[in-house]
Amino acid sequence: MKRFSLFIVQIYVFYWFKAPCAVSAPVNDLNLLKELSMYPDKAVSKAGITAFLRHQWYLSDLLVSFSFFDQNVSYQIKKKMVTALSYKNSEDYKNRIKIDTADLMDDRMEF
């Protein structure tokens, strides 16, 4: 119970209260995923990431495009996003975040 409570207070509550803002959802989700991957209790980290990945069904081009209107996303990132849109003819442009859960115990996990 202590481990669960620590996770809720240190990570989850912050993103729970930011969830209603649709414009910030893509950035918040990415930041949550990063924080989960760096969480010191690896068992809790793995459980959190596994649960998060079950809920990525809603991620779409439309939702991610909300980031263009998010004031917390830098101009440089938005510029990179526009450049990435040119790869639409690529075979894998619609790939979503894929994480091998075997890598969850590896501190070098990158996004």
N, C-alpha and C. Protein backbone atom coordinates (compact mmCIF):
# COMPACT_ATOMS: atom_id res chain seq x y z
N MET A 1 0.82 -1.18 0.00
CA MET A 1 0.00 0.00 0.00
C MET A 1 0.88 1.26 0.00
N LYS A 2 2.00 1.20 0.72
CA LYS A 2 2.90 2.35 0.78
C LYS A 2 3.47 2.66 -0.60
N ARG A 3 3.89 1.64 -1.35
CA ARG A 3 4.45 1.84 -2.68
C ARG A 3 3.42 2.46 -3.62
N PHE A 4 2.20 1.97 -3.55
CA PHE A 4 1.11 2.49 -4.38
C PHE A 4 0.83 3.95 -4.03
N SER A 5 0.76 4.26 -2.75
CA SER A 5 0.48 5.62 -2.30
C SER A 5 1.57 6.59 -2.74
N LEU A 6 2.82 6.16 -2.64
CA LEU A 6 3.93 7.01 -3.08
C LEU A 6 3.83 7.31 -4.57
N PHE A 7 3.51 6.30 -5.35
CA PHE A 7 3.36 6.50 -6.79
C PHE A 7 2.23 7.49 -7.09
N ILE A 8 1.12 7.32 -6.43
CA ILE A 8 -0.04 8.20 -6.65
C ILE A 8 0.33 9.65 -6.33
N VAL A 9 0.98 9.87 -5.20
CA VAL A 9 1.33 11.23 -4.78
C VAL A 9 2.44 11.82 -5.63
N GLN A 10 3.45 11.03 -5.97
CA GLN A 10 4.61 11.56 -6.67
C GLN A 10 4.38 11.74 -8.17
N ILE A 11 3.56 10.92 -8.78
CA ILE A 11 3.42 10.95 -10.24
C ILE A 11 1.97 11.15 -10.69
N TYR A 12 1.09 10.27 -10.28
CA TYR A 12 -0.23 10.14 -10.88
C TYR A 12 -1.14 11.36 -10.68
N VAL A 13 -1.17 11.91 -9.49
CA VAL A 13 -2.09 13.01 -9.18
C VAL A 13 -1.85 14.20 -10.11
N PHE A 14 -0.60 14.53 -10.36
CA PHE A 14 -0.26 15.66 -11.22
C PHE A 14 -0.90 15.50 -12.60
N TYR A 15 -0.74 14.33 -13.20
CA TYR A 15 -1.28 14.10 -14.54
C TYR A 15 -2.80 13.90 -14.53
N TRP A 16 -3.34 13.42 -13.43
CA TRP A 16 -4.79 13.27 -13.31
C TRP A 16 -5.47 14.64 -13.40
N PHE A 17 -4.91 15.63 -12.73
CA PHE A 17 -5.51 16.96 -12.75
C PHE A 17 -5.27 17.70 -14.06
N LYS A 18 -4.27 17.31 -14.82
CA LYS A 18 -4.01 17.93 -16.12
C LYS A 18 -4.80 17.24 -17.24
N ALA A 19 -5.37 16.10 -16.98
CA ALA A 19 -6.05 15.30 -18.01
C ALA A 19 -7.20 16.01 -18.72
N PRO A 20 -7.99 16.85 -18.08
CA PRO A 20 -9.10 17.48 -18.79
C PRO A 20 -8.70 18.42 -19.93
N CYS A 21 -7.47 18.85 -19.98
CA CYS A 21 -7.02 19.78 -21.02
C CYS A 21 -6.60 18.99 -22.27
N ALA A 22 -7.49 18.89 -23.25
CA ALA A 22 -7.25 18.08 -24.44
C ALA A 22 -6.05 18.57 -25.26
N VAL A 23 -5.83 19.86 -25.29
CA VAL A 23 -4.73 20.42 -26.07
C VAL A 23 -3.38 19.93 -25.53
N SER A 24 -3.29 19.74 -24.23
CA SER A 24 -2.04 19.31 -23.60
C SER A 24 -1.93 17.79 -23.48
N ALA A 25 -2.95 17.06 -23.87
CA ALA A 25 -2.95 15.61 -23.67
C ALA A 25 -1.76 14.89 -24.29
N PRO A 26 -1.40 15.15 -25.54
CA PRO A 26 -0.26 14.41 -26.11
C PRO A 26 1.04 14.65 -25.35
N VAL A 27 1.32 15.87 -24.99
CA VAL A 27 2.55 16.18 -24.26
C VAL A 27 2.50 15.60 -22.85
N ASN A 28 1.35 15.71 -22.21
CA ASN A 28 1.21 15.15 -20.86
C ASN A 28 1.41 13.64 -20.88
N ASP A 29 0.85 12.97 -21.89
CA ASP A 29 1.00 11.52 -21.97
C ASP A 29 2.46 11.13 -22.18
N LEU A 30 3.15 11.85 -23.04
CA LEU A 30 4.56 11.55 -23.26
C LEU A 30 5.37 11.80 -22.00
N ASN A 31 5.10 12.90 -21.31
CA ASN A 31 5.82 13.19 -20.07
C ASN A 31 5.51 12.15 -18.99
N LEU A 32 4.27 11.71 -18.90
CA LEU A 32 3.91 10.67 -17.95
C LEU A 32 4.68 9.39 -18.26
N LEU A 33 4.73 9.03 -19.52
CA LEU A 33 5.45 7.82 -19.92
C LEU A 33 6.93 7.92 -19.58
N LYS A 34 7.52 9.08 -19.80
CA LYS A 34 8.93 9.29 -19.43
C LYS A 34 9.13 9.16 -17.92
N GLU A 35 8.24 9.79 -17.15
CA GLU A 35 8.36 9.70 -15.69
C GLU A 35 8.18 8.27 -15.20
N LEU A 36 7.24 7.56 -15.81
CA LEU A 36 7.05 6.16 -15.43
C LEU A 36 8.30 5.34 -15.70
N SER A 37 8.95 5.60 -16.82
CA SER A 37 10.14 4.82 -17.16
C SER A 37 11.32 5.12 -16.23
N MET A 38 11.32 6.30 -15.61
CA MET A 38 12.42 6.67 -14.71
C MET A 38 12.06 6.47 -13.23
N TYR A 39 10.85 6.00 -12.97
CA TYR A 39 10.42 5.83 -11.57
C TYR A 39 11.32 4.80 -10.89
N PRO A 40 11.81 5.11 -9.69
CA PRO A 40 12.79 4.24 -9.05
C PRO A 40 12.30 2.83 -8.70
N ASP A 41 11.04 2.69 -8.35
CA ASP A 41 10.48 1.36 -8.05
C ASP A 41 10.10 0.71 -9.37
N LYS A 42 10.96 -0.16 -9.88
CA LYS A 42 10.78 -0.73 -11.22
C LYS A 42 9.53 -1.60 -11.35
N ALA A 43 9.10 -2.23 -10.29
CA ALA A 43 7.87 -3.03 -10.36
C ALA A 43 6.67 -2.11 -10.58
N VAL A 44 6.64 -1.01 -9.87
CA VAL A 44 5.56 -0.03 -10.04
C VAL A 44 5.67 0.61 -11.42
N SER A 45 6.89 0.90 -11.84
CA SER A 45 7.13 1.48 -13.16
C SER A 45 6.59 0.58 -14.27
N LYS A 46 6.91 -0.69 -14.18
CA LYS A 46 6.45 -1.65 -15.19
C LYS A 46 4.93 -1.75 -15.20
N ALA A 47 4.32 -1.81 -14.02
CA ALA A 47 2.86 -1.89 -13.94
C ALA A 47 2.21 -0.63 -14.52
N GLY A 48 2.78 0.53 -14.22
CA GLY A 48 2.24 1.79 -14.73
C GLY A 48 2.34 1.88 -16.24
N ILE A 49 3.48 1.49 -16.79
CA ILE A 49 3.66 1.55 -18.24
C ILE A 49 2.76 0.55 -18.93
N THR A 50 2.64 -0.63 -18.36
CA THR A 50 1.75 -1.65 -18.95
C THR A 50 0.31 -1.14 -18.99
N ALA A 51 -0.14 -0.52 -17.90
CA ALA A 51 -1.50 0.04 -17.87
C ALA A 51 -1.64 1.18 -18.87
N PHE A 52 -0.63 2.03 -18.95
CA PHE A 52 -0.66 3.16 -19.89
C PHE A 52 -0.79 2.66 -21.32
N LEU A 53 -0.03 1.64 -21.67
CA LEU A 53 -0.05 1.13 -23.05
C LEU A 53 -1.38 0.51 -23.43
N ARG A 54 -2.15 0.06 -22.45
CA ARG A 54 -3.50 -0.47 -22.75
C ARG A 54 -4.46 0.65 -23.13
N HIS A 55 -4.10 1.88 -22.83
CA HIS A 55 -4.99 3.01 -23.07
C HIS A 55 -4.52 3.91 -24.20
N GLN A 56 -3.65 3.43 -25.04
CA GLN A 56 -3.18 4.29 -26.13
C GLN A 56 -4.07 4.17 -27.38
N TRP A 57 -5.16 3.45 -27.28
CA TRP A 57 -6.06 3.30 -28.42
C TRP A 57 -6.60 4.64 -28.91
N TYR A 58 -6.70 5.61 -28.01
CA TYR A 58 -7.28 6.90 -28.38
C TYR A 58 -6.28 7.81 -29.10
N LEU A 59 -5.01 7.45 -29.09
CA LEU A 59 -4.02 8.29 -29.77
C LEU A 59 -4.24 8.23 -31.27
N SER A 60 -4.32 9.37 -31.86
CA SER A 60 -4.54 9.44 -33.30
C SER A 60 -3.85 10.69 -33.84
N ASP A 61 -3.81 10.81 -35.14
CA ASP A 61 -3.23 12.00 -35.75
C ASP A 61 -3.97 13.26 -35.28
N LEU A 62 -5.28 13.16 -35.12
CA LEU A 62 -6.07 14.31 -34.70
C LEU A 62 -5.68 14.75 -33.29
N LEU A 63 -5.59 13.81 -32.37
CA LEU A 63 -5.25 14.16 -31.00
C LEU A 63 -3.85 14.74 -30.91
N VAL A 64 -2.91 14.12 -31.60
CA VAL A 64 -1.54 14.62 -31.56
C VAL A 64 -1.45 16.01 -32.18
N SER A 65 -2.30 16.30 -33.17
CA SER A 65 -2.29 17.63 -33.79
C SER A 65 -2.72 18.72 -32.81
N PHE A 66 -3.37 18.36 -31.72
CA PHE A 66 -3.71 19.35 -30.69
C PHE A 66 -2.46 20.03 -30.14
N SER A 67 -1.33 19.34 -30.22
CA SER A 67 -0.07 19.89 -29.70
C SER A 67 0.33 21.18 -30.39
N PHE A 68 -0.15 21.39 -31.60
CA PHE A 68 0.15 22.64 -32.30
C PHE A 68 -0.44 23.85 -31.57
N PHE A 69 -1.46 23.62 -30.77
CA PHE A 69 -2.13 24.70 -30.05
C PHE A 69 -1.72 24.78 -28.58
N ASP A 70 -0.85 23.91 -28.17
CA ASP A 70 -0.40 23.87 -26.78
C ASP A 70 0.73 24.89 -26.57
N GLN A 71 0.52 25.81 -25.66
CA GLN A 71 1.52 26.84 -25.39
C GLN A 71 2.78 26.27 -24.73
N ASN A 72 2.67 25.08 -24.17
CA ASN A 72 3.82 24.46 -23.50
C ASN A 72 4.74 23.71 -24.45
N VAL A 73 4.33 23.59 -25.71
CA VAL A 73 5.18 22.95 -26.71
C VAL A 73 5.96 24.04 -27.42
N SER A 74 7.26 23.88 -27.43
CA SER A 74 8.12 24.93 -27.99
C SER A 74 7.95 25.05 -29.51
N TYR A 75 8.34 26.20 -30.00
CA TYR A 75 8.29 26.46 -31.44
C TYR A 75 9.15 25.45 -32.20
N GLN A 76 10.32 25.13 -31.64
CA GLN A 76 11.24 24.19 -32.30
C GLN A 76 10.60 22.80 -32.43
N ILE A 77 9.90 22.37 -31.40
CA ILE A 77 9.23 21.06 -31.46
C ILE A 77 8.11 21.10 -32.49
N LYS A 78 7.36 22.17 -32.51
CA LYS A 78 6.28 22.29 -33.49
C LYS A 78 6.83 22.28 -34.92
N LYS A 79 7.99 22.91 -35.10
CA LYS A 79 8.63 22.90 -36.40
C LYS A 79 9.03 21.48 -36.81
N LYS A 80 9.55 20.71 -35.86
CA LYS A 80 9.91 19.31 -36.11
C LYS A 80 8.66 18.49 -36.43
N MET A 81 7.56 18.82 -35.78
CA MET A 81 6.30 18.11 -36.04
C MET A 81 5.84 18.35 -37.48
N VAL A 82 5.96 19.59 -37.94
CA VAL A 82 5.58 19.92 -39.31
C VAL A 82 6.47 19.17 -40.29
N THR A 83 7.76 19.12 -40.00
CA THR A 83 8.69 18.37 -40.85
C THR A 83 8.32 16.89 -40.88
N ALA A 84 7.95 16.34 -39.74
CA ALA A 84 7.58 14.93 -39.66
C ALA A 84 6.33 14.62 -40.48
N LEU A 85 5.46 15.62 -40.63
CA LEU A 85 4.24 15.41 -41.42
C LEU A 85 4.57 15.13 -42.88
N SER A 86 5.73 15.55 -43.33
CA SER A 86 6.11 15.30 -44.73
C SER A 86 6.43 13.83 -44.98
N TYR A 87 6.59 13.06 -43.92
CA TYR A 87 6.88 11.63 -44.06
C TYR A 87 5.61 10.80 -44.16
N LYS A 88 4.50 11.44 -44.41
CA LYS A 88 3.22 10.74 -44.44
C LYS A 88 3.19 9.61 -45.46
N ASN A 89 3.93 9.74 -46.55
CA ASN A 89 3.94 8.68 -47.56
C ASN A 89 4.78 7.49 -47.13
N SER A 90 5.46 7.64 -46.01
CA SER A 90 6.25 6.55 -45.48
C SER A 90 5.32 5.43 -45.03
N GLU A 91 5.81 4.22 -45.09
CA GLU A 91 5.00 3.05 -44.74
C GLU A 91 4.62 3.04 -43.26
N ASP A 92 5.46 3.57 -42.39
CA ASP A 92 5.21 3.45 -40.97
C ASP A 92 4.87 4.78 -40.29
N TYR A 93 4.30 5.73 -41.00
CA TYR A 93 4.01 7.03 -40.41
C TYR A 93 2.95 6.97 -39.32
N LYS A 94 2.14 5.94 -39.30
CA LYS A 94 1.09 5.86 -38.29
C LYS A 94 1.48 4.99 -37.10
N ASN A 95 2.73 4.61 -37.04
CA ASN A 95 3.16 3.80 -35.90
C ASN A 95 2.98 4.56 -34.61
N ARG A 96 2.54 3.85 -33.62
CA ARG A 96 2.38 4.45 -32.31
C ARG A 96 3.58 4.08 -31.47
N ILE A 97 3.62 4.61 -30.28
CA ILE A 97 4.71 4.30 -29.38
C ILE A 97 4.69 2.81 -29.09
N LYS A 98 5.82 2.19 -29.28
CA LYS A 98 5.93 0.77 -28.99
C LYS A 98 7.05 0.59 -27.99
N ILE A 99 6.75 -0.10 -26.92
CA ILE A 99 7.75 -0.34 -25.89
C ILE A 99 7.78 -1.82 -25.60
N ASP A 100 8.95 -2.38 -25.66
CA ASP A 100 9.14 -3.77 -25.28
C ASP A 100 9.21 -3.80 -23.77
N THR A 101 8.27 -4.45 -23.13
CA THR A 101 8.24 -4.43 -21.67
C THR A 101 9.46 -5.10 -21.06
N ALA A 102 10.22 -5.87 -21.84
CA ALA A 102 11.47 -6.44 -21.34
C ALA A 102 12.48 -5.34 -21.08
N ASP A 103 12.34 -4.21 -21.77
CA ASP A 103 13.25 -3.08 -21.60
C ASP A 103 12.91 -2.24 -20.38
N LEU A 104 11.82 -2.53 -19.71
CA LEU A 104 11.38 -1.68 -18.61
C LEU A 104 12.36 -1.70 -17.44
N MET A 105 13.11 -2.74 -17.31
CA MET A 105 14.08 -2.80 -16.23
C MET A 105 15.41 -2.15 -16.63
N ASP A 106 15.50 -1.71 -17.87
CA ASP A 106 16.71 -1.07 -18.37
C ASP A 106 16.60 0.43 -18.17
N ASP A 107 17.55 1.00 -17.44
CA ASP A 107 17.52 2.44 -17.13
C ASP A 107 17.79 3.30 -18.36
N ARG A 108 18.20 2.70 -19.46
CA ARG A 108 18.54 3.48 -20.65
C ARG A 108 17.38 3.61 -21.61
N MET A 109 16.16 3.34 -21.20
CA MET A 109 15.01 3.42 -22.07
C MET A 109 14.85 4.81 -22.65
N GLU A 110 14.67 4.91 -23.96
CA GLU A 110 14.57 6.21 -24.61
C GLU A 110 13.26 6.32 -25.37
N PHE A 111 12.83 7.57 -25.56
CA PHE A 111 11.62 7.85 -26.32
C PHE A 111 11.96 8.82 -27.41
